PDB file of N, CA and C in Angstrom:
ATOM      1  N   MET A   1     -30.657   8.452  31.737  1.00  0.00           N
ATOM      2  CA  MET A   1     -30.129   8.631  30.565  1.00  0.00           C
ATOM      3  C   MET A   1     -28.537   8.946  30.650  1.00  0.00           C
ATOM      4  N   THR A   2     -27.880   8.703  29.789  1.00  0.00           N
ATOM      5  CA  THR A   2     -26.840   8.541  29.690  1.00  0.00           C
ATOM      6  C   THR A   2     -25.910   9.587  29.162  1.00  0.00           C
ATOM      7  N   SER A   3     -24.706   9.990  29.273  1.00  0.00           N
ATOM      8  CA  SER A   3     -24.243  11.159  28.791  1.00  0.00           C
ATOM      9  C   SER A   3     -23.094  10.785  27.812  1.00  0.00           C
ATOM     10  N   THR A   4     -22.999  11.074  26.599  1.00  0.00           N
ATOM     11  CA  THR A   4     -21.847  10.629  25.823  1.00  0.00           C
ATOM     12  C   THR A   4     -20.628  11.820  25.931  1.00  0.00           C
ATOM     13  N   THR A   5     -20.691  12.687  26.521  1.00  0.00           N
ATOM     14  CA  THR A   5     -19.679  13.519  26.339  1.00  0.00           C
ATOM     15  C   THR A   5     -18.537  13.171  26.895  1.00  0.00           C
ATOM     16  N   ASP A   6     -18.378  12.084  27.905  1.00  0.00           N
ATOM     17  CA  ASP A   6     -17.210  11.910  28.391  1.00  0.00           C
ATOM     18  C   ASP A   6     -16.652  10.407  27.605  1.00  0.00           C
ATOM     19  N   THR A   7     -17.187  10.208  26.427  1.00  0.00           N
ATOM     20  CA  THR A   7     -16.628   9.229  25.731  1.00  0.00           C
ATOM     21  C   THR A   7     -15.767   9.803  24.750  1.00  0.00           C
ATOM     22  N   PRO A   8     -14.495   9.261  24.632  1.00  0.00           N
ATOM     23  CA  PRO A   8     -13.467   9.606  23.726  1.00  0.00           C
ATOM     24  C   PRO A   8     -13.786   9.336  22.403  1.00  0.00           C
ATOM     25  N   MET A   9     -13.456  10.087  21.430  1.00  0.00           N
ATOM     26  CA  MET A   9     -13.563   9.914  19.955  1.00  0.00           C
ATOM     27  C   MET A   9     -12.419   8.801  19.379  1.00  0.00           C
ATOM     28  N   PRO A  10     -12.683   7.724  18.699  1.00  0.00           N
ATOM     29  CA  PRO A  10     -11.680   7.161  18.503  1.00  0.00           C
ATOM     30  C   PRO A  10     -10.626   7.975  17.410  1.00  0.00           C
ATOM     31  N   THR A  11      -9.237   7.468  17.544  1.00  0.00           N
ATOM     32  CA  THR A  11      -8.527   8.584  16.890  1.00  0.00           C
ATOM     33  C   THR A  11      -8.061   7.284  15.483  1.00  0.00           C
ATOM     34  N   ARG A  12      -8.143   8.087  14.076  1.00  0.00           N
ATOM     35  CA  ARG A  12      -7.794   7.041  13.321  1.00  0.00           C
ATOM     36  C   ARG A  12      -6.574   7.714  12.673  1.00  0.00           C
ATOM     37  N   THR A  13      -5.369   6.905  12.667  1.00  0.00           N
ATOM     38  CA  THR A  13      -4.210   6.978  12.175  1.00  0.00           C
ATOM     39  C   THR A  13      -4.001   6.550  10.817  1.00  0.00           C
ATOM     40  N   PRO A  14      -3.376   6.902   9.720  1.00  0.00           N
ATOM     41  CA  PRO A  14      -2.923   6.335   8.592  1.00  0.00           C
ATOM     42  C   PRO A  14      -2.177   4.938   8.692  1.00  0.00           C
ATOM     43  N   SER A  15      -2.986   3.971   8.009  1.00  0.00           N
ATOM     44  CA  SER A  15      -2.034   2.584   7.986  1.00  0.00           C
ATOM     45  C   SER A  15      -1.321   2.470   6.484  1.00  0.00           C
ATOM     46  N   ALA A  16      -0.176   1.977   6.620  1.00  0.00           N
ATOM     47  CA  ALA A  16       0.569   1.823   5.496  1.00  0.00           C
ATOM     48  C   ALA A  16      -0.259   0.834   4.635  1.00  0.00           C
ATOM     49  N   ALA A  17      -1.308  -0.161   5.021  1.00  0.00           N
ATOM     50  CA  ALA A  17      -1.911  -1.159   4.352  1.00  0.00           C
ATOM     51  C   ALA A  17      -3.188  -0.292   3.808  1.00  0.00           C
ATOM     52  N   SER A  18      -3.536   0.788   3.998  1.00  0.00           N
ATOM     53  CA  SER A  18      -4.939   1.632   3.634  1.00  0.00           C
ATOM     54  C   SER A  18      -4.837   1.533   2.098  1.00  0.00           C
ATOM     55  N   ARG A  19      -5.849   1.729   1.356  1.00  0.00           N
ATOM     56  CA  ARG A  19      -5.989   1.349  -0.032  1.00  0.00           C
ATOM     57  C   ARG A  19      -7.105   2.409  -0.142  1.00  0.00           C
ATOM     58  N   SER A  20      -7.119   3.232  -1.067  1.00  0.00           N
ATOM     59  CA  SER A  20      -8.180   4.264  -1.473  1.00  0.00           C
ATOM     60  C   SER A  20      -8.411   3.943  -2.992  1.00  0.00           C
ATOM     61  N   VAL A  21      -9.674   3.590  -3.516  1.00  0.00           N
ATOM     62  CA  VAL A  21     -10.222   3.418  -4.525  1.00  0.00           C
ATOM     63  C   VAL A  21     -11.102   4.491  -4.996  1.00  0.00           C
ATOM     64  N   LEU A  22     -10.560   5.039  -6.261  1.00  0.00           N
ATOM     65  CA  LEU A  22     -11.255   6.301  -6.927  1.00  0.00           C
ATOM     66  C   LEU A  22     -11.876   5.470  -7.851  1.00  0.00           C
ATOM     67  N   ALA A  23     -13.295   5.579  -7.870  1.00  0.00           N
ATOM     68  CA  ALA A  23     -14.346   4.650  -8.867  1.00  0.00           C
ATOM     69  C   ALA A  23     -14.309   5.246 -10.129  1.00  0.00           C
ATOM     70  N   GLY A  24     -14.473   4.605 -11.143  1.00  0.00           N
ATOM     71  CA  GLY A  24     -14.880   4.859 -12.567  1.00  0.00           C
ATOM     72  C   GLY A  24     -15.462   6.050 -13.052  1.00  0.00           C
ATOM     73  N   ASP A  25     -16.477   6.385 -12.122  1.00  0.00           N
ATOM     74  CA  ASP A  25     -17.512   7.276 -12.293  1.00  0.00           C
ATOM     75  C   ASP A  25     -16.737   8.728 -11.838  1.00  0.00           C
ATOM     76  N   LEU A  26     -15.726   8.624 -11.031  1.00  0.00           N
ATOM     77  CA  LEU A  26     -15.115   9.809 -10.298  1.00  0.00           C
ATOM     78  C   LEU A  26     -14.388  10.555 -11.280  1.00  0.00           C
ATOM     79  N   LYS A  27     -14.371  11.770 -11.110  1.00  0.00           N
ATOM     80  CA  LYS A  27     -13.277  12.733 -12.157  1.00  0.00           C
ATOM     81  C   LYS A  27     -12.881  13.494 -10.928  1.00  0.00           C
ATOM     82  N   ILE A  28     -11.473  13.836 -10.868  1.00  0.00           N
ATOM     83  CA  ILE A  28     -11.001  14.759  -9.895  1.00  0.00           C
ATOM     84  C   ILE A  28      -9.936  15.857 -10.574  1.00  0.00           C
ATOM     85  N   LYS A  29     -10.118  16.943 -10.407  1.00  0.00           N
ATOM     86  CA  LYS A  29      -9.274  17.719 -10.775  1.00  0.00           C
ATOM     87  C   LYS A  29      -8.532  18.732  -9.703  1.00  0.00           C
ATOM     88  N   GLY A  30      -7.274  18.272  -9.417  1.00  0.00           N
ATOM     89  CA  GLY A  30      -6.559  18.597  -7.952  1.00  0.00           C
ATOM     90  C   GLY A  30      -5.793  17.519  -7.519  1.00  0.00           C
ATOM     91  N   ASP A  31      -4.980  18.083  -6.609  1.00  0.00           N
ATOM     92  CA  ASP A  31      -4.062  16.934  -5.844  1.00  0.00           C
ATOM     93  C   ASP A  31      -4.463  15.984  -4.919  1.00  0.00           C
ATOM     94  N   VAL A  32      -4.068  14.659  -5.266  1.00  0.00           N
ATOM     95  CA  VAL A  32      -4.334  13.649  -4.376  1.00  0.00           C
ATOM     96  C   VAL A  32      -3.275  13.141  -3.723  1.00  0.00           C
ATOM     97  N   THR A  33      -3.558  12.875  -2.186  1.00  0.00           N
ATOM     98  CA  THR A  33      -2.224  12.258  -1.259  1.00  0.00           C
ATOM     99  C   THR A  33      -2.861  11.266  -0.390  1.00  0.00           C
ATOM    100  N   SER A  34      -1.856  10.373  -0.319  1.00  0.00           N
ATOM    101  CA  SER A  34      -2.166   9.242   0.557  1.00  0.00           C
ATOM    102  C   SER A  34      -1.046   8.392   1.014  1.00  0.00           C
ATOM    103  N   ASP A  35      -1.034   7.993   2.244  1.00  0.00           N
ATOM    104  CA  ASP A  35       0.108   7.499   2.974  1.00  0.00           C
ATOM    105  C   ASP A  35      -0.063   5.948   2.570  1.00  0.00           C
ATOM    106  N   GLY A  36      -1.181   5.496   1.779  1.00  0.00           N
ATOM    107  CA  GLY A  36      -1.432   4.193   1.600  1.00  0.00           C
ATOM    108  C   GLY A  36      -1.231   4.033   0.022  1.00  0.00           C
ATOM    109  N   THR A  37      -2.017   3.178  -0.553  1.00  0.00           N
ATOM    110  CA  THR A  37      -2.261   3.095  -1.929  1.00  0.00           C
ATOM    111  C   THR A  37      -3.655   3.754  -2.563  1.00  0.00           C
ATOM    112  N   ILE A  38      -3.444   3.949  -3.763  1.00  0.00           N
ATOM    113  CA  ILE A  38      -4.377   4.868  -4.428  1.00  0.00           C
ATOM    114  C   ILE A  38      -4.476   3.883  -5.793  1.00  0.00           C
ATOM    115  N   GLU A  39      -5.925   3.582  -5.836  1.00  0.00           N
ATOM    116  CA  GLU A  39      -6.154   2.850  -7.264  1.00  0.00           C
ATOM    117  C   GLU A  39      -7.128   3.714  -7.936  1.00  0.00           C
ATOM    118  N   VAL A  40      -6.670   4.078  -9.062  1.00  0.00           N
ATOM    119  CA  VAL A  40      -7.421   5.152  -9.934  1.00  0.00           C
ATOM    120  C   VAL A  40      -8.159   4.415 -11.073  1.00  0.00           C
ATOM    121  N   LEU A  41      -9.487   4.129 -10.899  1.00  0.00           N
ATOM    122  CA  LEU A  41     -10.196   3.596 -11.794  1.00  0.00           C
ATOM    123  C   LEU A  41     -11.000   4.792 -12.860  1.00  0.00           C
ATOM    124  N   GLY A  42     -11.118   5.986 -12.174  1.00  0.00           N
ATOM    125  CA  GLY A  42     -11.900   7.001 -13.103  1.00  0.00           C
ATOM    126  C   GLY A  42     -10.639   7.984 -13.731  1.00  0.00           C
ATOM    127  N   GLU A  43     -10.909   9.257 -13.478  1.00  0.00           N
ATOM    128  CA  GLU A  43      -9.839  10.309 -14.185  1.00  0.00           C
ATOM    129  C   GLU A  43      -9.670  11.016 -12.944  1.00  0.00           C
ATOM    130  N   VAL A  44      -8.293  11.509 -12.842  1.00  0.00           N
ATOM    131  CA  VAL A  44      -7.406  12.400 -12.017  1.00  0.00           C
ATOM    132  C   VAL A  44      -6.720  13.296 -13.040  1.00  0.00           C
ATOM    133  N   ASP A  45      -6.823  14.791 -12.747  1.00  0.00           N
ATOM    134  CA  ASP A  45      -5.927  15.620 -13.523  1.00  0.00           C
ATOM    135  C   ASP A  45      -5.421  16.392 -12.271  1.00  0.00           C
ATOM    136  N   GLY A  46      -4.099  16.062 -11.982  1.00  0.00           N
ATOM    137  CA  GLY A  46      -3.558  16.620 -11.178  1.00  0.00           C
ATOM    138  C   GLY A  46      -2.319  15.839 -10.413  1.00  0.00           C
ATOM    139  N   LYS A  47      -1.497  16.460  -9.472  1.00  0.00           N
ATOM    140  CA  LYS A  47      -0.485  15.462  -8.999  1.00  0.00           C
ATOM    141  C   LYS A  47      -0.968  14.271  -7.841  1.00  0.00           C
ATOM    142  N   ILE A  48      -0.381  13.079  -8.005  1.00  0.00           N
ATOM    143  CA  ILE A  48      -0.933  12.236  -6.950  1.00  0.00           C
ATOM    144  C   ILE A  48       0.599  11.873  -6.237  1.00  0.00           C
ATOM    145  N   THR A  49       0.502  11.612  -4.927  1.00  0.00           N
ATOM    146  CA  THR A  49       1.450  11.385  -4.195  1.00  0.00           C
ATOM    147  C   THR A  49       0.987  10.371  -3.213  1.00  0.00           C
ATOM    148  N   ALA A  50       1.568   9.294  -3.213  1.00  0.00           N
ATOM    149  CA  ALA A  50       1.119   8.107  -2.387  1.00  0.00           C
ATOM    150  C   ALA A  50       2.189   7.123  -2.188  1.00  0.00           C
ATOM    151  N   ARG A  51       2.106   6.103  -1.171  1.00  0.00           N
ATOM    152  CA  ARG A  51       2.970   4.960  -1.105  1.00  0.00           C
ATOM    153  C   ARG A  51       2.872   4.073  -2.504  1.00  0.00           C
ATOM    154  N   ALA A  52       1.827   3.788  -2.747  1.00  0.00           N
ATOM    155  CA  ALA A  52       1.630   3.050  -4.147  1.00  0.00           C
ATOM    156  C   ALA A  52       0.638   3.585  -5.100  1.00  0.00           C
ATOM    157  N   LEU A  53       0.405   3.516  -6.282  1.00  0.00           N
ATOM    158  CA  LEU A  53      -0.329   3.930  -6.909  1.00  0.00           C
ATOM    159  C   LEU A  53      -0.678   2.809  -8.215  1.00  0.00           C
ATOM    160  N   ILE A  54      -1.848   2.665  -8.397  1.00  0.00           N
ATOM    161  CA  ILE A  54      -2.336   1.725  -9.515  1.00  0.00           C
ATOM    162  C   ILE A  54      -3.014   2.195 -10.416  1.00  0.00           C
ATOM    163  N   VAL A  55      -2.965   2.381 -11.795  1.00  0.00           N
ATOM    164  CA  VAL A  55      -4.005   3.449 -12.636  1.00  0.00           C
ATOM    165  C   VAL A  55      -4.727   2.095 -13.295  1.00  0.00           C
ATOM    166  N   GLY A  56      -5.999   1.616 -13.019  1.00  0.00           N
ATOM    167  CA  GLY A  56      -6.637   0.576 -13.606  1.00  0.00           C
ATOM    168  C   GLY A  56      -6.803   0.694 -15.085  1.00  0.00           C
ATOM    169  N   ALA A  57      -7.358  -0.273 -15.707  1.00  0.00           N
ATOM    170  CA  ALA A  57      -7.748  -0.573 -16.959  1.00  0.00           C
ATOM    171  C   ALA A  57      -8.350   0.785 -17.613  1.00  0.00           C
ATOM    172  N   GLU A  58      -9.286   1.174 -16.873  1.00  0.00           N
ATOM    173  CA  GLU A  58     -10.173   2.234 -17.558  1.00  0.00           C
ATOM    174  C   GLU A  58      -9.772   3.454 -16.803  1.00  0.00           C
ATOM    175  N   GLY A  59      -8.469   3.471 -16.109  1.00  0.00           N
ATOM    176  CA  GLY A  59      -8.448   4.692 -15.393  1.00  0.00           C
ATOM    177  C   GLY A  59      -7.263   5.509 -16.152  1.00  0.00           C
ATOM    178  N   ARG A  60      -7.419   6.986 -15.889  1.00  0.00           N
ATOM    179  CA  ARG A  60      -6.735   7.747 -16.684  1.00  0.00           C
ATOM    180  C   ARG A  60      -6.018   8.859 -15.675  1.00  0.00           C
ATOM    181  N   VAL A  61      -4.878   9.286 -15.684  1.00  0.00           N
ATOM    182  CA  VAL A  61      -4.340  10.060 -14.669  1.00  0.00           C
ATOM    183  C   VAL A  61      -3.467  11.124 -15.907  1.00  0.00           C
ATOM    184  N   LYS A  62      -3.703  12.381 -15.328  1.00  0.00           N
ATOM    185  CA  LYS A  62      -2.911  13.665 -15.985  1.00  0.00           C
ATOM    186  C   LYS A  62      -2.373  14.384 -15.127  1.00  0.00           C
ATOM    187  N   GLY A  63      -0.918  14.192 -15.058  1.00  0.00           N
ATOM    188  CA  GLY A  63      -0.068  15.009 -13.852  1.00  0.00           C
ATOM    189  C   GLY A  63       1.153  14.554 -13.526  1.00  0.00           C
ATOM    190  N   ALA A  64       1.387  14.943 -12.530  1.00  0.00           N
ATOM    191  CA  ALA A  64       3.003  14.398 -11.908  1.00  0.00           C
ATOM    192  C   ALA A  64       2.622  13.228 -10.978  1.00  0.00           C
ATOM    193  N   VAL A  65       3.225  12.246 -10.882  1.00  0.00           N
ATOM    194  CA  VAL A  65       3.067  11.025  -9.985  1.00  0.00           C
ATOM    195  C   VAL A  65       4.219  10.733  -9.309  1.00  0.00           C
ATOM    196  N   SER A  66       4.081  10.540  -7.850  1.00  0.00           N
ATOM    197  CA  SER A  66       5.139  10.312  -7.045  1.00  0.00           C
ATOM    198  C   SER A  66       4.765   9.184  -5.924  1.00  0.00           C
ATOM    199  N   ALA A  67       5.337   7.922  -6.257  1.00  0.00           N
ATOM    200  CA  ALA A  67       5.203   6.772  -5.360  1.00  0.00           C
ATOM    201  C   ALA A  67       6.316   5.765  -5.143  1.00  0.00           C
ATOM    202  N   GLU A  68       6.203   5.054  -4.159  1.00  0.00           N
ATOM    203  CA  GLU A  68       7.356   4.107  -4.214  1.00  0.00           C
ATOM    204  C   GLU A  68       7.067   3.036  -5.235  1.00  0.00           C
ATOM    205  N   THR A  69       5.866   2.583  -5.657  1.00  0.00           N
ATOM    206  CA  THR A  69       5.371   1.680  -6.755  1.00  0.00           C
ATOM    207  C   THR A  69       4.280   2.238  -7.670  1.00  0.00           C
ATOM    208  N   VAL A  70       4.467   2.147  -8.896  1.00  0.00           N
ATOM    209  CA  VAL A  70       3.589   2.784  -9.576  1.00  0.00           C
ATOM    210  C   VAL A  70       3.392   1.603 -10.773  1.00  0.00           C
ATOM    211  N   GLU A  71       1.957   1.254 -10.784  1.00  0.00           N
ATOM    212  CA  GLU A  71       1.460   0.237 -11.837  1.00  0.00           C
ATOM    213  C   GLU A  71       0.685   0.758 -12.688  1.00  0.00           C
ATOM    214  N   VAL A  72       0.604   0.484 -14.236  1.00  0.00           N
ATOM    215  CA  VAL A  72      -0.335   1.252 -15.189  1.00  0.00           C
ATOM    216  C   VAL A  72      -0.781   0.300 -15.905  1.00  0.00           C
ATOM    217  N   ARG A  73      -2.108   0.363 -16.006  1.00  0.00           N
ATOM    218  CA  ARG A  73      -2.735  -0.625 -16.963  1.00  0.00           C
ATOM    219  C   ARG A  73      -3.565   0.085 -17.702  1.00  0.00           C
ATOM    220  N   GLY A  74      -3.960   1.383 -17.487  1.00  0.00           N
ATOM    221  CA  GLY A  74      -4.713   2.480 -18.180  1.00  0.00           C
ATOM    222  C   GLY A  74      -3.785   3.337 -18.892  1.00  0.00           C
ATOM    223  N   ARG A  75      -3.944   4.780 -18.562  1.00  0.00           N
ATOM    224  CA  ARG A  75      -3.550   5.727 -19.403  1.00  0.00           C
ATOM    225  C   ARG A  75      -2.974   6.745 -18.405  1.00  0.00           C
ATOM    226  N   LEU A  76      -1.572   7.176 -18.577  1.00  0.00           N
ATOM    227  CA  LEU A  76      -0.906   8.060 -17.829  1.00  0.00           C
ATOM    228  C   LEU A  76       0.023   9.046 -18.731  1.00  0.00           C
ATOM    229  N   ASP A  77      -0.666  10.526 -18.485  1.00  0.00           N
ATOM    230  CA  ASP A  77       0.155  11.417 -19.144  1.00  0.00           C
ATOM    231  C   ASP A  77       0.962  12.398 -18.123  1.00  0.00           C
ATOM    232  N   GLY A  78       2.077  12.684 -18.015  1.00  0.00           N
ATOM    233  CA  GLY A  78       2.787  13.694 -17.118  1.00  0.00           C
ATOM    234  C   GLY A  78       4.167  13.220 -16.759  1.00  0.00           C
ATOM    235  N   LYS A  79       4.403  13.028 -15.454  1.00  0.00           N
ATOM    236  CA  LYS A  79       5.793  12.696 -14.933  1.00  0.00           C
ATOM    237  C   LYS A  79       5.617  11.705 -13.832  1.00  0.00           C
ATOM    238  N   ILE A  80       6.417  10.765 -13.985  1.00  0.00           N
ATOM    239  CA  ILE A  80       6.338   9.487 -12.988  1.00  0.00           C
ATOM    240  C   ILE A  80       7.808   9.797 -12.146  1.00  0.00           C
ATOM    241  N   SER A  81       7.845   9.530 -10.919  1.00  0.00           N
ATOM    242  CA  SER A  81       8.573   9.481 -10.135  1.00  0.00           C
ATOM    243  C   SER A  81       8.741   8.178  -9.061  1.00  0.00           C
ATOM    244  N   CYS A  82       9.241   7.288  -9.020  1.00  0.00           N
ATOM    245  CA  CYS A  82       9.183   5.984  -8.242  1.00  0.00           C
ATOM    246  C   CYS A  82      10.335   5.140  -8.126  1.00  0.00           C
ATOM    247  N   VAL A  83      10.303   4.309  -7.222  1.00  0.00           N
ATOM    248  CA  VAL A  83      11.200   3.245  -6.991  1.00  0.00           C
ATOM    249  C   VAL A  83      11.011   2.152  -7.868  1.00  0.00           C
ATOM    250  N   SER A  84       9.774   1.721  -7.977  1.00  0.00           N
ATOM    251  CA  SER A  84       9.521   0.314  -9.103  1.00  0.00           C
ATOM    252  C   SER A  84       8.240   0.660 -10.094  1.00  0.00           C
ATOM    253  N   LEU A  85       8.446   0.754 -11.286  1.00  0.00           N
ATOM    254  CA  LEU A  85       7.626   1.129 -12.278  1.00  0.00           C
ATOM    255  C   LEU A  85       7.318  -0.162 -12.973  1.00  0.00           C
ATOM    256  N   THR A  86       5.866  -0.359 -13.170  1.00  0.00           N
ATOM    257  CA  THR A  86       5.535  -1.689 -13.908  1.00  0.00           C
ATOM    258  C   THR A  86       4.531  -0.962 -15.019  1.00  0.00           C
ATOM    259  N   LEU A  87       4.446  -1.059 -16.192  1.00  0.00           N
ATOM    260  CA  LEU A  87       3.575  -0.867 -17.355  1.00  0.00           C
ATOM    261  C   LEU A  87       3.040  -1.999 -17.859  1.00  0.00           C
ATOM    262  N   ARG A  88       1.993  -2.550 -17.251  1.00  0.00           N
ATOM    263  CA  ARG A  88       1.105  -3.302 -18.239  1.00  0.00           C
ATOM    264  C   ARG A  88       0.824  -3.677 -19.450  1.00  0.00           C
ATOM    265  N   ALA A  89       0.464  -4.542 -20.398  1.00  0.00           N
ATOM    266  CA  ALA A  89       0.157  -4.881 -21.516  1.00  0.00           C
ATOM    267  C   ALA A  89      -0.758  -3.872 -22.188  1.00  0.00           C
ATOM    268  N   ALA A  90      -1.819  -3.378 -21.311  1.00  0.00           N
ATOM    269  CA  ALA A  90      -2.862  -2.457 -21.864  1.00  0.00           C
ATOM    270  C   ALA A  90      -2.670  -0.702 -21.732  1.00  0.00           C
ATOM    271  N   ALA A  91      -1.277  -0.685 -21.014  1.00  0.00           N
ATOM    272  CA  ALA A  91      -0.832   0.646 -20.667  1.00  0.00           C
ATOM    273  C   ALA A  91      -0.560   1.673 -21.778  1.00  0.00           C
ATOM    274  N   THR A  92      -0.882   2.647 -21.807  1.00  0.00           N
ATOM    275  CA  THR A  92      -0.692   3.840 -22.627  1.00  0.00           C
ATOM    276  C   THR A  92       0.142   5.093 -21.792  1.00  0.00           C
ATOM    277  N   VAL A  93       1.210   5.315 -21.983  1.00  0.00           N
ATOM    278  CA  VAL A  93       1.880   6.130 -20.931  1.00  0.00           C
ATOM    279  C   VAL A  93       2.812   6.927 -21.916  1.00  0.00           C
ATOM    280  N   LYS A  94       2.617   8.469 -21.626  1.00  0.00           N
ATOM    281  CA  LYS A  94       3.328   9.603 -22.174  1.00  0.00           C
ATOM    282  C   LYS A  94       3.727  10.282 -21.055  1.00  0.00           C
ATOM    283  N   ALA A  95       4.928   9.992 -20.565  1.00  0.00           N
ATOM    284  CA  ALA A  95       5.395  10.486 -19.585  1.00  0.00           C
ATOM    285  C   ALA A  95       7.252  10.506 -19.483  1.00  0.00           C
ATOM    286  N   ASP A  96       7.701  11.282 -18.659  1.00  0.00           N
ATOM    287  CA  ASP A  96       9.078  11.435 -18.401  1.00  0.00           C
ATOM    288  C   ASP A  96       9.199  10.564 -16.853  1.00  0.00           C
ATOM    289  N   SER A  97       9.971   9.504 -16.785  1.00  0.00           N
ATOM    290  CA  SER A  97       9.952   8.849 -15.882  1.00  0.00           C
ATOM    291  C   SER A  97      11.194   8.515 -15.286  1.00  0.00           C
ATOM    292  N   SER A  98      11.364   8.552 -13.965  1.00  0.00           N
ATOM    293  CA  SER A  98      12.342   8.135 -12.901  1.00  0.00           C
ATOM    294  C   SER A  98      12.366   7.057 -12.327  1.00  0.00           C
ATOM    295  N   TYR A  99      13.066   5.905 -12.308  1.00  0.00           N
ATOM    296  CA  TYR A  99      12.860   4.812 -11.682  1.00  0.00           C
ATOM    297  C   TYR A  99      14.134   4.038 -11.096  1.00  0.00           C
ATOM    298  N   SER A 100      13.936   2.985 -10.054  1.00  0.00           N
ATOM    299  CA  SER A 100      15.329   2.159  -9.781  1.00  0.00           C
ATOM    300  C   SER A 100      14.729   0.828 -10.687  1.00  0.00           C
ATOM    301  N   THR A 101      13.520   0.286 -10.652  1.00  0.00           N
ATOM    302  CA  THR A 101      13.179  -0.885 -11.269  1.00  0.00           C
ATOM    303  C   THR A 101      12.078  -0.771 -12.391  1.00  0.00           C
ATOM    304  N   LEU A 102      12.288  -1.432 -13.434  1.00  0.00           N
ATOM    305  CA  LEU A 102      11.346  -1.074 -14.462  1.00  0.00           C
ATOM    306  C   LEU A 102      10.930  -2.404 -15.270  1.00  0.00           C
ATOM    307  N   VAL A 103       9.614  -2.621 -15.254  1.00  0.00           N
ATOM    308  CA  VAL A 103       9.025  -3.667 -15.863  1.00  0.00           C
ATOM    309  C   VAL A 103       8.104  -3.156 -17.231  1.00  0.00           C
ATOM    310  N   ILE A 104       8.079  -3.369 -18.466  1.00  0.00           N
ATOM    311  CA  ILE A 104       7.265  -3.028 -19.767  1.00  0.00           C
ATOM    312  C   ILE A 104       6.902  -4.572 -20.082  1.00  0.00           C
ATOM    313  N   GLU A 105       5.587  -4.604 -20.185  1.00  0.00           N
ATOM    314  CA  GLU A 105       4.910  -5.982 -20.691  1.00  0.00           C
ATOM    315  C   GLU A 105       4.807  -5.603 -22.325  1.00  0.00           C
ATOM    316  N   SER A 106       4.941  -6.567 -23.077  1.00  0.00           N
ATOM    317  CA  SER A 106       4.718  -6.444 -24.310  1.00  0.00           C
ATOM    318  C   SER A 106       3.161  -6.051 -24.692  1.00  0.00           C
ATOM    319  N   GLY A 107       3.170  -4.848 -25.576  1.00  0.00           N
ATOM    320  CA  GLY A 107       2.095  -4.437 -26.032  1.00  0.00           C
ATOM    321  C   GLY A 107       1.931  -3.164 -25.422  1.00  0.00           C
ATOM    322  N   ALA A 108       2.228  -2.707 -24.149  1.00  0.00           N
ATOM    323  CA  ALA A 108       2.213  -1.327 -23.659  1.00  0.00           C
ATOM    324  C   ALA A 108       2.666  -0.401 -24.690  1.00  0.00           C
ATOM    325  N   GLN A 109       1.910   0.655 -24.742  1.00  0.00           N
ATOM    326  CA  GLN A 109       2.654   1.973 -25.442  1.00  0.00           C
ATOM    327  C   GLN A 109       3.047   2.927 -24.594  1.00  0.00           C
ATOM    328  N   VAL A 110       4.375   3.169 -25.110  1.00  0.00           N
ATOM    329  CA  VAL A 110       4.979   4.066 -24.278  1.00  0.00           C
ATOM    330  C   VAL A 110       5.774   5.229 -25.076  1.00  0.00           C
ATOM    331  N   GLU A 111       5.745   6.520 -24.678  1.00  0.00           N
ATOM    332  CA  GLU A 111       6.399   7.575 -25.130  1.00  0.00           C
ATOM    333  C   GLU A 111       6.905   8.458 -23.938  1.00  0.00           C
ATOM    334  N   GLY A 112       8.130   8.873 -24.093  1.00  0.00           N
ATOM    335  CA  GLY A 112       8.810  10.044 -23.182  1.00  0.00           C
ATOM    336  C   GLY A 112      10.190   9.523 -22.877  1.00  0.00           C
ATOM    337  N   HIS A 113      10.760  10.051 -21.736  1.00  0.00           N
ATOM    338  CA  HIS A 113      12.144   9.935 -21.379  1.00  0.00           C
ATOM    339  C   HIS A 113      12.032   9.098 -20.211  1.00  0.00           C
ATOM    340  N   PHE A 114      12.951   7.846 -20.182  1.00  0.00           N
ATOM    341  CA  PHE A 114      12.843   7.016 -19.132  1.00  0.00           C
ATOM    342  C   PHE A 114      14.496   7.526 -18.261  1.00  0.00           C
ATOM    343  N   SER A 115      14.603   7.663 -17.100  1.00  0.00           N
ATOM    344  CA  SER A 115      15.661   7.585 -16.566  1.00  0.00           C
ATOM    345  C   SER A 115      15.868   6.950 -15.062  1.00  0.00           C
ATOM    346  N   PHE A 116      17.109   6.089 -15.221  1.00  0.00           N
ATOM    347  CA  PHE A 116      17.297   5.089 -13.998  1.00  0.00           C
ATOM    348  C   PHE A 116      17.679   6.075 -12.835  1.00  0.00           C
ATOM    349  N   ALA A 117      17.230   5.855 -11.680  1.00  0.00           N
ATOM    350  CA  ALA A 117      17.628   6.800 -10.511  1.00  0.00           C
ATOM    351  C   ALA A 117      18.034   5.598  -9.627  1.00  0.00           C
ATOM    352  N   LYS A 118      19.258   5.912  -9.109  1.00  0.00           N
ATOM    353  CA  LYS A 118      19.918   4.908  -8.051  1.00  0.00           C
ATOM    354  C   LYS A 118      19.225   4.825  -6.951  1.00  0.00           C
ATOM    355  N   ALA A 119      18.939   3.805  -5.990  1.00  0.00           N
ATOM    356  CA  ALA A 119      17.772   3.936  -5.008  1.00  0.00           C
ATOM    357  C   ALA A 119      19.024   4.015  -3.788  1.00  0.00           C
TER     358      ALA A 119
END
């Protein structure tokens, strides 16, 4: 018989390359934080803080968002603070946004205040 009490548990450290996908059937009320990328395919009602945020075509976010890069294909209502903001053609955004780089594709529906923030 062998004992496993002397075996150390592996340590997980957050990786800059980590990616968390919030599935389409998932609804979160509360804050979400990650050191990597968060992809929202469902609904989040709360603050999101991450290295990168992707709101998928069916995704919905209501609240404040803070990330280095933000890409919106779905719906985002609230406040955006980022370095690079990309609004895809299917995006619907009602937000006050602060960014250093902005791309808005033709067809995106945008409402709110946009302000350039020096990097």
